[in-house]
Every structure is written in structure tokens, then in C-alpha cells.
């Protein structure tokens, strides 16, 4: 047999094995991509569910904080109205005193 034919026949099994391995690698890669996509979709769903749970808990915390702030604000409003009423009363008293003083000593108070 000629030398080239012998060399070609000896390399033929190697070429067949290389082509088979390339096909197997591409098939394996496709299978891995499928598994990764499935895992990612499950993982994404788990993350979304976890975020929903965290958001629900956070919303409840915000509602509780808002209720506390509304309570504090109503107390502050009540205190402010009490202070303003006291100041108005004091303004009325000082205005009456100002009317009794001589003209150079008169001042304006109140009008809140």
C-alpha cells in the first residue's frame, strides 16, 4: 500500500473520534444550557417569592411606623393648640394691661 493511503487510514479513526467528541461536547453544552436555564428560572421564582415576602413584611413595618407617626402628630397638634390658646389668653391679658398704661407704654399683643 502506498504510504499516503496508510497514513490516511491510520488517521481516519482519530478524525472520527474527534468529530464524535465535538458532537458530544456540543450536545453536553446544550444540555447544560437547558439545566442552567431551568435552574435560573426556579431560582428567579424563589427570589421573587422571597422579595414578595420581604416586601409584605416591610409594608407592614411601614404601616406600623405610619400609625405611630400619626399618633405623635395628633399629640403635637393638640399640644400646639393648647399652647396657642394659652398665648392668646396671655395676649388678651397683656392688651388689657396695655390699655391701662400711659400712652407711651402701649404695645400690641396677640393676633395669633
PDB file of N, CA and C in Angstrom:
ATOM      1  N   UNK A   1       0.836  -1.164   0.000  1.00  0.00           N
ATOM      2  CA  UNK A   1       0.000   0.000   0.000  1.00  0.00           C
ATOM      3  C   UNK A   1       0.890   1.240   0.000  1.00  0.00           C
ATOM      4  N   UNK A   2       0.337   2.233  -0.686  1.00  0.00           N
ATOM      5  CA  UNK A   2       1.129   3.450  -0.690  1.00  0.00           C
ATOM      6  C   UNK A   2       1.167   4.088   0.703  1.00  0.00           C
ATOM      7  N   UNK A   3       2.166   4.858   0.888  1.00  0.00           N
ATOM      8  CA  UNK A   3       2.421   5.494   2.169  1.00  0.00           C
ATOM      9  C   UNK A   3       1.291   6.448   2.579  1.00  0.00           C
ATOM     10  N   UNK A   4       0.784   7.222   1.644  1.00  0.00           N
ATOM     11  CA  UNK A   4      -0.281   8.188   1.956  1.00  0.00           C
ATOM     12  C   UNK A   4      -1.582   7.501   2.335  1.00  0.00           C
ATOM     13  N   UNK A   5      -1.838   6.386   1.678  1.00  0.00           N
ATOM     14  CA  UNK A   5      -3.064   5.628   1.981  1.00  0.00           C
ATOM     15  C   UNK A   5      -2.970   5.048   3.384  1.00  0.00           C
ATOM     16  N   UNK A   6      -1.826   4.553   3.762  1.00  0.00           N
ATOM     17  CA  UNK A   6      -1.626   4.000   5.099  1.00  0.00           C
ATOM     18  C   UNK A   6      -1.779   5.106   6.149  1.00  0.00           C
ATOM     19  N   UNK A   7      -1.184   6.240   5.865  1.00  0.00           N
ATOM     20  CA  UNK A   7      -1.296   7.366   6.804  1.00  0.00           C
ATOM     21  C   UNK A   7      -2.743   7.846   6.917  1.00  0.00           C
ATOM     22  N   UNK A   8      -3.448   7.939   5.793  1.00  0.00           N
ATOM     23  CA  UNK A   8      -4.853   8.365   5.794  1.00  0.00           C
ATOM     24  C   UNK A   8      -5.732   7.392   6.545  1.00  0.00           C
ATOM     25  N   UNK A   9      -5.504   6.080   6.339  1.00  0.00           N
ATOM     26  CA  UNK A   9      -6.308   5.065   7.045  1.00  0.00           C
ATOM     27  C   UNK A   9      -5.999   5.041   8.535  1.00  0.00           C
ATOM     28  N   UNK A  10      -4.788   5.362   8.894  1.00  0.00           N
ATOM     29  CA  UNK A  10      -4.452   5.382  10.324  1.00  0.00           C
ATOM     30  C   UNK A  10      -5.024   6.627  11.010  1.00  0.00           C
ATOM     31  N   UNK A  11      -5.156   7.723  10.260  1.00  0.00           N
ATOM     32  CA  UNK A  11      -5.717   8.948  10.850  1.00  0.00           C
ATOM     33  C   UNK A  11      -7.243   8.973  10.815  1.00  0.00           C
ATOM     34  N   UNK A  12      -7.852   8.137  10.001  1.00  0.00           N
ATOM     35  CA  UNK A  12      -9.315   8.109   9.884  1.00  0.00           C
ATOM     36  C   UNK A  12      -9.986   7.829  11.231  1.00  0.00           C
ATOM     37  N   UNK A  13      -9.578   6.834  12.022  1.00  0.00           N
ATOM     38  CA  UNK A  13     -10.222   6.629  13.328  1.00  0.00           C
ATOM     39  C   UNK A  13     -10.053   7.830  14.266  1.00  0.00           C
ATOM     40  N   UNK A  14      -8.882   8.476  14.168  1.00  0.00           N
ATOM     41  CA  UNK A  14      -8.651   9.647  15.017  1.00  0.00           C
ATOM     42  C   UNK A  14      -9.612  10.768  14.629  1.00  0.00           C
ATOM     43  N   UNK A  15      -9.817  10.994  13.324  1.00  0.00           N
ATOM     44  CA  UNK A  15     -10.735  12.029  12.852  1.00  0.00           C
ATOM     45  C   UNK A  15     -12.163  11.704  13.267  1.00  0.00           C
ATOM     46  N   UNK A  16     -12.550  10.450  13.165  1.00  0.00           N
ATOM     47  CA  UNK A  16     -13.900  10.028  13.565  1.00  0.00           C
ATOM     48  C   UNK A  16     -14.091  10.268  15.064  1.00  0.00           C
ATOM     49  N   UNK A  17     -13.085   9.931  15.848  1.00  0.00           N
ATOM     50  CA  UNK A  17     -13.183  10.148  17.307  1.00  0.00           C
ATOM     51  C   UNK A  17     -13.281  11.644  17.614  1.00  0.00           C
ATOM     52  N   UNK A  18     -12.490  12.473  16.908  1.00  0.00           N
ATOM     53  CA  UNK A  18     -12.528  13.922  17.142  1.00  0.00           C
ATOM     54  C   UNK A  18     -13.899  14.485  16.769  1.00  0.00           C
ATOM     55  N   UNK A  19     -14.467  14.078  15.635  1.00  0.00           N
ATOM     56  CA  UNK A  19     -15.793  14.546  15.232  1.00  0.00           C
ATOM     57  C   UNK A  19     -16.840  14.097  16.244  1.00  0.00           C
ATOM     58  N   UNK A  20     -16.733  12.850  16.710  1.00  0.00           N
ATOM     59  CA  UNK A  20     -17.676  12.346  17.719  1.00  0.00           C
ATOM     60  C   UNK A  20     -17.578  13.122  19.015  1.00  0.00           C
ATOM     61  N   UNK A  21     -16.350  13.441  19.428  1.00  0.00           N
ATOM     62  CA  UNK A  21     -16.173  14.203  20.669  1.00  0.00           C
ATOM     63  C   UNK A  21     -16.714  15.626  20.528  1.00  0.00           C
ATOM     64  N   UNK A  22     -16.504  16.239  19.361  1.00  0.00           N
ATOM     65  CA  UNK A  22     -17.046  17.580  19.141  1.00  0.00           C
ATOM     66  C   UNK A  22     -18.568  17.555  19.213  1.00  0.00           C
ATOM     67  N   UNK A  23     -19.198  16.571  18.592  1.00  0.00           N
ATOM     68  CA  UNK A  23     -20.656  16.430  18.669  1.00  0.00           C
ATOM     69  C   UNK A  23     -21.125  16.208  20.093  1.00  0.00           C
ATOM     70  N   UNK A  24     -20.391  15.350  20.828  1.00  0.00           N
ATOM     71  CA  UNK A  24     -20.753  15.067  22.225  1.00  0.00           C
ATOM     72  C   UNK A  24     -20.611  16.329  23.078  1.00  0.00           C
ATOM     73  N   UNK A  25     -19.562  17.126  22.844  1.00  0.00           N
ATOM     74  CA  UNK A  25     -19.352  18.355  23.611  1.00  0.00           C
ATOM     75  C   UNK A  25     -20.481  19.353  23.339  1.00  0.00           C
ATOM     76  N   UNK A  26     -20.873  19.511  22.054  1.00  0.00           N
ATOM     77  CA  UNK A  26     -21.978  20.433  21.747  1.00  0.00           C
ATOM     78  C   UNK A  26     -23.293  19.957  22.367  1.00  0.00           C
ATOM     79  N   UNK A  27     -23.523  18.637  22.359  1.00  0.00           N
ATOM     80  CA  UNK A  27     -24.732  18.094  22.981  1.00  0.00           C
ATOM     81  C   UNK A  27     -24.702  18.331  24.491  1.00  0.00           C
ATOM     82  N   UNK A  28     -23.542  18.088  25.085  1.00  0.00           N
ATOM     83  CA  UNK A  28     -23.397  18.317  26.529  1.00  0.00           C
ATOM     84  C   UNK A  28     -23.614  19.790  26.858  1.00  0.00           C
ATOM     85  N   UNK A  29     -23.063  20.656  26.020  1.00  0.00           N
ATOM     86  CA  UNK A  29     -23.232  22.097  26.249  1.00  0.00           C
ATOM     87  C   UNK A  29     -24.710  22.494  26.167  1.00  0.00           C
ATOM     88  N   UNK A  30     -25.431  21.945  25.198  1.00  0.00           N
ATOM     89  CA  UNK A  30     -26.862  22.246  25.067  1.00  0.00           C
ATOM     90  C   UNK A  30     -27.621  21.739  26.296  1.00  0.00           C
ATOM     91  N   UNK A  31     -27.262  20.542  26.763  1.00  0.00           N
ATOM     92  CA  UNK A  31     -27.915  20.008  27.963  1.00  0.00           C
ATOM     93  C   UNK A  31     -27.614  20.876  29.180  1.00  0.00           C
ATOM     94  N   UNK A  32     -26.380  21.324  29.304  1.00  0.00           N
ATOM     95  CA  UNK A  32     -26.025  22.194  30.426  1.00  0.00           C
ATOM     96  C   UNK A  32     -26.756  23.534  30.346  1.00  0.00           C
ATOM     97  N   UNK A  33     -26.881  24.079  29.140  1.00  0.00           N
ATOM     98  CA  UNK A  33     -27.637  25.328  28.984  1.00  0.00           C
ATOM     99  C   UNK A  33     -29.085  25.143  29.413  1.00  0.00           C
ATOM    100  N   UNK A  34     -29.678  24.005  29.047  1.00  0.00           N
ATOM    101  CA  UNK A  34     -31.061  23.722  29.438  1.00  0.00           C
ATOM    102  C   UNK A  34     -31.177  23.622  30.958  1.00  0.00           C
ATOM    103  N   UNK A  35     -30.239  22.920  31.569  1.00  0.00           N
ATOM    104  CA  UNK A  35     -30.262  22.773  33.032  1.00  0.00           C
ATOM    105  C   UNK A  35     -30.061  24.134  33.704  1.00  0.00           C
ATOM    106  N   UNK A  36     -29.144  24.926  33.186  1.00  0.00           N
ATOM    107  CA  UNK A  36     -28.881  26.244  33.775  1.00  0.00           C
ATOM    108  C   UNK A  36     -30.109  27.139  33.643  1.00  0.00           C
ATOM    109  N   UNK A  37     -30.764  27.116  32.483  1.00  0.00           N
ATOM    110  CA  UNK A  37     -31.972  27.925  32.297  1.00  0.00           C
ATOM    111  C   UNK A  37     -33.072  27.487  33.257  1.00  0.00           C
ATOM    112  N   UNK A  38     -33.241  26.171  33.407  1.00  0.00           N
ATOM    113  CA  UNK A  38     -34.266  25.671  34.333  1.00  0.00           C
ATOM    114  C   UNK A  38     -33.922  26.082  35.759  1.00  0.00           C
ATOM    115  N   UNK A  39     -32.661  25.959  36.139  1.00  0.00           N
ATOM    116  CA  UNK A  39     -32.255  26.329  37.493  1.00  0.00           C
ATOM    117  C   UNK A  39     -32.429  27.821  37.704  1.00  0.00           C
ATOM    118  N   UNK A  40     -32.031  28.619  36.696  1.00  0.00           N
ATOM    119  CA  UNK A  40     -32.192  30.069  36.816  1.00  0.00           C
ATOM    120  C   UNK A  40     -33.658  30.458  36.963  1.00  0.00           C
ATOM    121  N   UNK A  41     -34.533  29.821  36.174  1.00  0.00           N
ATOM    122  CA  UNK A  41     -35.949  30.169  36.270  1.00  0.00           C
ATOM    123  C   UNK A  41     -36.503  29.791  37.637  1.00  0.00           C
ATOM    124  N   UNK A  42     -36.088  28.641  38.172  1.00  0.00           N
ATOM    125  CA  UNK A  42     -36.537  28.255  39.517  1.00  0.00           C
ATOM    126  C   UNK A  42     -35.938  29.198  40.552  1.00  0.00           C
ATOM    127  N   UNK A  43     -34.686  29.522  40.363  1.00  0.00           N
ATOM    128  CA  UNK A  43     -34.018  30.426  41.296  1.00  0.00           C
ATOM    129  C   UNK A  43     -34.657  31.803  41.238  1.00  0.00           C
ATOM    130  N   UNK A  44     -34.977  32.271  40.046  1.00  0.00           N
ATOM    131  CA  UNK A  44     -35.620  33.573  39.896  1.00  0.00           C
ATOM    132  C   UNK A  44     -36.981  33.562  40.572  1.00  0.00           C
ATOM    133  N   UNK A  45     -37.732  32.491  40.400  1.00  0.00           N
ATOM    134  CA  UNK A  45     -39.035  32.392  41.065  1.00  0.00           C
ATOM    135  C   UNK A  45     -38.873  32.401  42.580  1.00  0.00           C
ATOM    136  N   UNK A  46     -37.861  31.696  43.070  1.00  0.00           N
ATOM    137  CA  UNK A  46     -37.623  31.684  44.516  1.00  0.00           C
ATOM    138  C   UNK A  46     -37.241  33.079  45.007  1.00  0.00           C
ATOM    139  N   UNK A  47     -36.407  33.757  44.245  1.00  0.00           N
ATOM    140  CA  UNK A  47     -36.004  35.116  44.633  1.00  0.00           C
ATOM    141  C   UNK A  47     -37.209  36.050  44.608  1.00  0.00           C
ATOM    142  N   UNK A  48     -38.059  35.924  43.586  1.00  0.00           N
ATOM    143  CA  UNK A  48     -39.252  36.769  43.501  1.00  0.00           C
ATOM    144  C   UNK A  48     -40.178  36.495  44.682  1.00  0.00           C
ATOM    145  N   UNK A  49     -40.366  35.229  45.020  1.00  0.00           N
ATOM    146  CA  UNK A  49     -41.209  34.896  46.176  1.00  0.00           C
ATOM    147  C   UNK A  49     -40.615  35.464  47.463  1.00  0.00           C
ATOM    148  N   UNK A  50     -39.298  35.355  47.593  1.00  0.00           N
ATOM    149  CA  UNK A  50     -38.652  35.893  48.781  1.00  0.00           C
ATOM    150  C   UNK A  50     -38.792  37.410  48.833  1.00  0.00           C
ATOM    151  N   UNK A  51     -38.648  38.069  47.676  1.00  0.00           N
ATOM    152  CA  UNK A  51     -38.813  39.522  47.636  1.00  0.00           C
ATOM    153  C   UNK A  51     -40.243  39.909  47.984  1.00  0.00           C
ATOM    154  N   UNK A  52     -41.230  39.131  47.497  1.00  0.00           N
ATOM    155  CA  UNK A  52     -42.625  39.419  47.841  1.00  0.00           C
ATOM    156  C   UNK A  52     -42.831  39.313  49.341  1.00  0.00           C
ATOM    157  N   UNK A  53     -42.258  38.270  49.954  1.00  0.00           N
ATOM    158  CA  UNK A  53     -42.398  38.105  51.402  1.00  0.00           C
ATOM    159  C   UNK A  53     -41.720  39.255  52.138  1.00  0.00           C
ATOM    160  N   UNK A  54     -40.517  39.630  51.686  1.00  0.00           N
ATOM    161  CA  UNK A  54     -39.816  40.739  52.323  1.00  0.00           C
ATOM    162  C   UNK A  54     -40.588  42.040  52.148  1.00  0.00           C
ATOM    163  N   UNK A  55     -41.163  42.245  50.957  1.00  0.00           N
ATOM    164  CA  UNK A  55     -41.934  43.470  50.712  1.00  0.00           C
ATOM    165  C   UNK A  55     -43.173  43.507  51.590  1.00  0.00           C
ATOM    166  N   UNK A  56     -43.839  42.374  51.755  1.00  0.00           N
ATOM    167  CA  UNK A  56     -45.022  42.321  52.608  1.00  0.00           C
ATOM    168  C   UNK A  56     -44.647  42.674  54.043  1.00  0.00           C
ATOM    169  N   UNK A  57     -43.543  42.103  54.518  1.00  0.00           N
ATOM    170  CA  UNK A  57     -43.095  42.423  55.874  1.00  0.00           C
ATOM    171  C   UNK A  57     -42.721  43.897  55.987  1.00  0.00           C
ATOM    172  N   UNK A  58     -42.037  44.414  54.988  1.00  0.00           N
ATOM    173  CA  UNK A  58     -41.626  45.821  55.006  1.00  0.00           C
ATOM    174  C   UNK A  58     -42.837  46.750  54.970  1.00  0.00           C
ATOM    175  N   UNK A  59     -43.846  46.393  54.175  1.00  0.00           N
ATOM    176  CA  UNK A  59     -45.062  47.201  54.101  1.00  0.00           C
ATOM    177  C   UNK A  59     -45.751  47.238  55.462  1.00  0.00           C
ATOM    178  N   UNK A  60     -45.784  46.096  56.147  1.00  0.00           N
ATOM    179  CA  UNK A  60     -46.384  46.068  57.487  1.00  0.00           C
ATOM    180  C   UNK A  60     -45.596  46.959  58.452  1.00  0.00           C
ATOM    181  N   UNK A  61     -44.265  46.915  58.358  1.00  0.00           N
ATOM    182  CA  UNK A  61     -43.449  47.768  59.219  1.00  0.00           C
ATOM    183  C   UNK A  61     -43.724  49.248  58.924  1.00  0.00           C
ATOM    184  N   UNK A  62     -43.858  49.572  57.653  1.00  0.00           N
ATOM    185  CA  UNK A  62     -44.128  50.968  57.270  1.00  0.00           C
ATOM    186  C   UNK A  62     -45.497  51.402  57.773  1.00  0.00           C
ATOM    187  N   UNK A  63     -46.483  50.515  57.687  1.00  0.00           N
ATOM    188  CA  UNK A  63     -47.820  50.858  58.195  1.00  0.00           C
ATOM    189  C   UNK A  63     -47.796  51.112  59.696  1.00  0.00           C
ATOM    190  N   UNK A  64     -47.058  50.262  60.415  1.00  0.00           N
ATOM    191  CA  UNK A  64     -46.955  50.460  61.861  1.00  0.00           C
ATOM    192  C   UNK A  64     -46.255  51.782  62.179  1.00  0.00           C
ATOM    193  N   UNK A  65     -45.192  52.077  61.444  1.00  0.00           N
ATOM    194  CA  UNK A  65     -44.472  53.341  61.652  1.00  0.00           C
ATOM    195  C   UNK A  65     -45.370  54.530  61.339  1.00  0.00           C
ATOM    196  N   UNK A  66     -46.154  54.417  60.275  1.00  0.00           N
ATOM    197  CA  UNK A  66     -47.060  55.495  59.896  1.00  0.00           C
ATOM    198  C   UNK A  66     -48.125  55.718  60.966  1.00  0.00           C
ATOM    199  N   UNK A  67     -48.650  54.638  61.514  1.00  0.00           N
ATOM    200  CA  UNK A  67     -49.649  54.766  62.581  1.00  0.00           C
ATOM    201  C   UNK A  67     -49.037  55.466  63.802  1.00  0.00           C
ATOM    202  N   UNK A  68     -47.795  55.103  64.131  1.00  0.00           N
ATOM    203  CA  UNK A  68     -47.117  55.737  65.259  1.00  0.00           C
ATOM    204  C   UNK A  68     -46.881  57.222  64.974  1.00  0.00           C
ATOM    205  N   UNK A  69     -46.468  57.539  63.752  1.00  0.00           N
ATOM    206  CA  UNK A  69     -46.249  58.952  63.390  1.00  0.00           C
ATOM    207  C   UNK A  69     -47.544  59.755  63.439  1.00  0.00           C
ATOM    208  N   UNK A  70     -48.639  59.157  62.988  1.00  0.00           N
ATOM    209  CA  UNK A  70     -49.930  59.855  63.049  1.00  0.00           C
ATOM    210  C   UNK A  70     -50.334  60.107  64.492  1.00  0.00           C
ATOM    211  N   UNK A  71     -50.066  59.148  65.359  1.00  0.00           N
ATOM    212  CA  UNK A  71     -50.387  59.312  66.781  1.00  0.00           C
ATOM    213  C   UNK A  71     -49.560  60.451  67.375  1.00  0.00           C
ATOM    214  N   UNK A  72     -48.271  60.457  67.079  1.00  0.00           N
ATOM    215  CA  UNK A  72     -47.386  61.503  67.597  1.00  0.00           C
ATOM    216  C   UNK A  72     -47.804  62.862  67.037  1.00  0.00           C
ATOM    217  N   UNK A  73     -48.146  62.902  65.753  1.00  0.00           N
ATOM    218  CA  UNK A  73     -48.546  64.165  65.140  1.00  0.00           C
ATOM    219  C   UNK A  73     -49.832  64.706  65.769  1.00  0.00           C
ATOM    220  N   UNK A  74     -50.782  63.808  66.087  1.00  0.00           N
ATOM    221  CA  UNK A  74     -52.016  64.279  66.724  1.00  0.00           C
ATOM    222  C   UNK A  74     -51.727  64.832  68.121  1.00  0.00           C
ATOM    223  N   UNK A  75     -50.796  64.219  68.838  1.00  0.00           N
ATOM    224  CA  UNK A  75     -50.415  64.739  70.161  1.00  0.00           C
ATOM    225  C   UNK A  75     -49.757  66.105  70.009  1.00  0.00           C
ATOM    226  N   UNK A  76     -48.860  66.229  69.033  1.00  0.00           N
ATOM    227  CA  UNK A  76     -48.188  67.507  68.816  1.00  0.00           C
ATOM    228  C   UNK A  76     -49.184  68.598  68.427  1.00  0.00           C
ATOM    229  N   UNK A  77     -50.148  68.251  67.596  1.00  0.00           N
ATOM    230  CA  UNK A  77     -51.156  69.225  67.190  1.00  0.00           C
ATOM    231  C   UNK A  77     -51.972  69.684  68.396  1.00  0.00           C
ATOM    232  N   UNK A  78     -52.349  68.734  69.235  1.00  0.00           N
ATOM    233  CA  UNK A  78     -53.115  69.065  70.431  1.00  0.00           C
ATOM    234  C   UNK A  78     -52.301  69.982  71.351  1.00  0.00           C
ATOM    235  N   UNK A  79     -51.025  69.661  71.533  1.00  0.00           N
ATOM    236  CA  UNK A  79     -50.172  70.496  72.385  1.00  0.00           C
ATOM    237  C   UNK A  79     -50.010  71.899  71.793  1.00  0.00           C
ATOM    238  N   UNK A  80     -49.831  71.962  70.461  1.00  0.00           N
ATOM    239  CA  UNK A  80     -49.679  73.267  69.815  1.00  0.00           C
ATOM    240  C   UNK A  80     -50.938  74.106  70.001  1.00  0.00           C
ATOM    241  N   UNK A  81     -52.110  73.504  69.843  1.00  0.00           N
ATOM    242  CA  UNK A  81     -53.359  74.245  70.024  1.00  0.00           C
ATOM    243  C   UNK A  81     -53.501  74.727  71.464  1.00  0.00           C
ATOM    244  N   UNK A  82     -53.084  73.899  72.421  1.00  0.00           N
ATOM    245  CA  UNK A  82     -53.148  74.310  73.833  1.00  0.00           C
ATOM    246  C   UNK A  82     -52.216  75.491  74.089  1.00  0.00           C
ATOM    247  N   UNK A  83     -50.993  75.406  73.544  1.00  0.00           N
ATOM    248  CA  UNK A  83     -50.030  76.490  73.736  1.00  0.00           C
ATOM    249  C   UNK A  83     -50.530  77.778  73.076  1.00  0.00           C
ATOM    250  N   UNK A  84     -51.077  77.658  71.874  1.00  0.00           N
ATOM    251  CA  UNK A  84     -51.575  78.843  71.173  1.00  0.00           C
ATOM    252  C   UNK A  84     -52.752  79.463  71.920  1.00  0.00           C
ATOM    253  N   UNK A  85     -53.617  78.635  72.511  1.00  0.00           N
ATOM    254  CA  UNK A  85     -54.736  79.171  73.290  1.00  0.00           C
ATOM    255  C   UNK A  85     -54.213  79.902  74.521  1.00  0.00           C
ATOM    256  N   UNK A  86     -53.190  79.319  75.180  1.00  0.00           N
ATOM    257  CA  UNK A  86     -52.597  79.989  76.344  1.00  0.00           C
ATOM    258  C   UNK A  86     -51.971  81.314  75.936  1.00  0.00           C
ATOM    259  N   UNK A  87     -51.268  81.314  74.810  1.00  0.00           N
ATOM    260  CA  UNK A  87     -50.638  82.554  74.341  1.00  0.00           C
ATOM    261  C   UNK A  87     -51.687  83.612  73.995  1.00  0.00           C
ATOM    262  N   UNK A  88     -52.764  83.173  73.393  1.00  0.00           N
ATOM    263  CA  UNK A  88     -53.831  84.114  73.048  1.00  0.00           C
ATOM    264  C   UNK A  88     -54.428  84.715  74.320  1.00  0.00           C
ATOM    265  N   UNK A  89     -54.634  83.872  75.312  1.00  0.00           N
ATOM    266  CA  UNK A  89     -55.171  84.356  76.591  1.00  0.00           C
ATOM    267  C   UNK A  89     -54.201  85.347  77.237  1.00  0.00           C
ATOM    268  N   UNK A  90     -52.901  84.995  77.207  1.00  0.00           N
ATOM    269  CA  UNK A  90     -51.904  85.913  77.763  1.00  0.00           C
ATOM    270  C   UNK A  90     -51.865  87.217  76.964  1.00  0.00           C
ATOM    271  N   UNK A  91     -52.046  87.105  75.650  1.00  0.00           N
ATOM    272  CA  UNK A  91     -52.079  88.309  74.812  1.00  0.00           C
ATOM    273  C   UNK A  91     -53.238  89.203  75.176  1.00  0.00           C
ATOM    274  N   UNK A  92     -54.392  88.602  75.436  1.00  0.00           N
ATOM    275  CA  UNK A  92     -55.559  89.396  75.845  1.00  0.00           C
ATOM    276  C   UNK A  92     -55.292  90.108  77.179  1.00  0.00           C
ATOM    277  N   UNK A  93     -54.691  89.396  78.123  1.00  0.00           N
ATOM    278  CA  UNK A  93     -54.387  89.996  79.428  1.00  0.00           C
ATOM    279  C   UNK A  93     -53.404  91.150  79.268  1.00  0.00           C
ATOM    280  N   UNK A  94     -52.351  90.916  78.460  1.00  0.00           N
ATOM    281  CA  UNK A  94     -51.358  91.979  78.263  1.00  0.00           C
ATOM    282  C   UNK A  94     -51.953  93.166  77.519  1.00  0.00           C
ATOM    283  N   UNK A  95     -52.883  92.910  76.608  1.00  0.00           N
ATOM    284  CA  UNK A  95     -53.545  94.001  75.891  1.00  0.00           C
ATOM    285  C   UNK A  95     -54.372  94.851  76.860  1.00  0.00           C
ATOM    286  N   UNK A  96     -55.086  94.193  77.777  1.00  0.00           N
ATOM    287  CA  UNK A  96     -55.851  94.934  78.787  1.00  0.00           C
ATOM    288  C   UNK A  96     -54.922  95.763  79.678  1.00  0.00           C
ATOM    289  N   UNK A  97     -53.770  95.164  80.025  1.00  0.00           N
ATOM    290  CA  UNK A  97     -52.809  95.916  80.837  1.00  0.00           C
ATOM    291  C   UNK A  97     -52.267  97.109  80.060  1.00  0.00           C
ATOM    292  N   UNK A  98     -52.050  96.905  78.756  1.00  0.00           N
ATOM    293  CA  UNK A  98     -51.532  97.976  77.915  1.00  0.00           C
ATOM    294  C   UNK A  98     -52.499  99.140  77.813  1.00  0.00           C
ATOM    295  N   UNK A  99     -53.802  98.858  77.852  1.00  0.00           N
ATOM    296  CA  UNK A  99     -54.790  99.935  77.794  1.00  0.00           C
ATOM    297  C   UNK A  99     -54.784 100.749  79.082  1.00  0.00           C
ATOM    298  N   UNK A 100     -54.381 100.157  80.168  1.00  0.00           N
ATOM    299  CA  UNK A 100     -54.365 100.863  81.445  1.00  0.00           C
ATOM    300  C   UNK A 100     -53.085 101.674  81.626  1.00  0.00           C
ATOM    301  N   UNK A 101     -52.065 101.345  80.838  1.00  0.00           N
ATOM    302  CA  UNK A 101     -50.797 102.065  80.960  1.00  0.00           C
ATOM    303  C   UNK A 101     -50.892 103.412  80.268  1.00  0.00           C
ATOM    304  N   UNK A 102     -49.968 104.276  80.559  1.00  0.00           N
ATOM    305  CA  UNK A 102     -49.942 105.568  79.852  1.00  0.00           C
ATOM    306  C   UNK A 102     -49.685 105.352  78.352  1.00  0.00           C
ATOM    307  N   UNK A 103     -50.023 106.334  77.492  1.00  0.00           N
ATOM    308  CA  UNK A 103     -49.951 106.156  76.034  1.00  0.00           C
ATOM    309  C   UNK A 103     -48.587 105.729  75.500  1.00  0.00           C
ATOM    310  N   UNK A 104     -47.486 106.151  76.061  1.00  0.00           N
ATOM    311  CA  UNK A 104     -46.168 105.776  75.537  1.00  0.00           C
ATOM    312  C   UNK A 104     -45.788 104.342  75.835  1.00  0.00           C
ATOM    313  N   UNK A 105     -46.501 103.702  76.724  1.00  0.00           N
ATOM    314  CA  UNK A 105     -46.166 102.347  77.150  1.00  0.00           C
ATOM    315  C   UNK A 105     -47.032 101.278  76.500  1.00  0.00           C
ATOM    316  N   UNK A 106     -47.908 101.648  75.572  1.00  0.00           N
ATOM    317  CA  UNK A 106     -48.847 100.688  74.986  1.00  0.00           C
ATOM    318  C   UNK A 106     -48.156  99.828  73.927  1.00  0.00           C
ATOM    319  N   UNK A 107     -48.443  98.534  73.963  1.00  0.00           N
ATOM    320  CA  UNK A 107     -47.891  97.592  72.980  1.00  0.00           C
ATOM    321  C   UNK A 107     -49.004  96.708  72.461  1.00  0.00           C
ATOM    322  N   UNK A 108     -48.775  96.105  71.307  1.00  0.00           N
ATOM    323  CA  UNK A 108     -49.752  95.171  70.722  1.00  0.00           C
ATOM    324  C   UNK A 108     -49.326  93.718  71.040  1.00  0.00           C
ATOM    325  N   UNK A 109     -50.265  92.923  71.501  1.00  0.00           N
ATOM    326  CA  UNK A 109     -50.020  91.516  71.787  1.00  0.00           C
ATOM    327  C   UNK A 109     -51.110  90.687  71.149  1.00  0.00           C
ATOM    328  N   UNK A 110     -50.817  89.427  70.942  1.00  0.00           N
ATOM    329  CA  UNK A 110     -51.847  88.505  70.446  1.00  0.00           C
ATOM    330  C   UNK A 110     -51.913  88.479  68.938  1.00  0.00           C
ATOM    331  N   UNK A 111     -53.144  88.410  68.422  1.00  0.00           N
ATOM    332  CA  UNK A 111     -53.425  88.297  66.995  1.00  0.00           C
ATOM    333  C   UNK A 111     -52.753  87.063  66.386  1.00  0.00           C
ATOM    334  N   UNK A 112     -52.866  85.964  67.062  1.00  0.00           N
ATOM    335  CA  UNK A 112     -52.259  84.720  66.577  1.00  0.00           C
ATOM    336  C   UNK A 112     -53.141  84.107  65.526  1.00  0.00           C
TER     337      UNK A 112
END
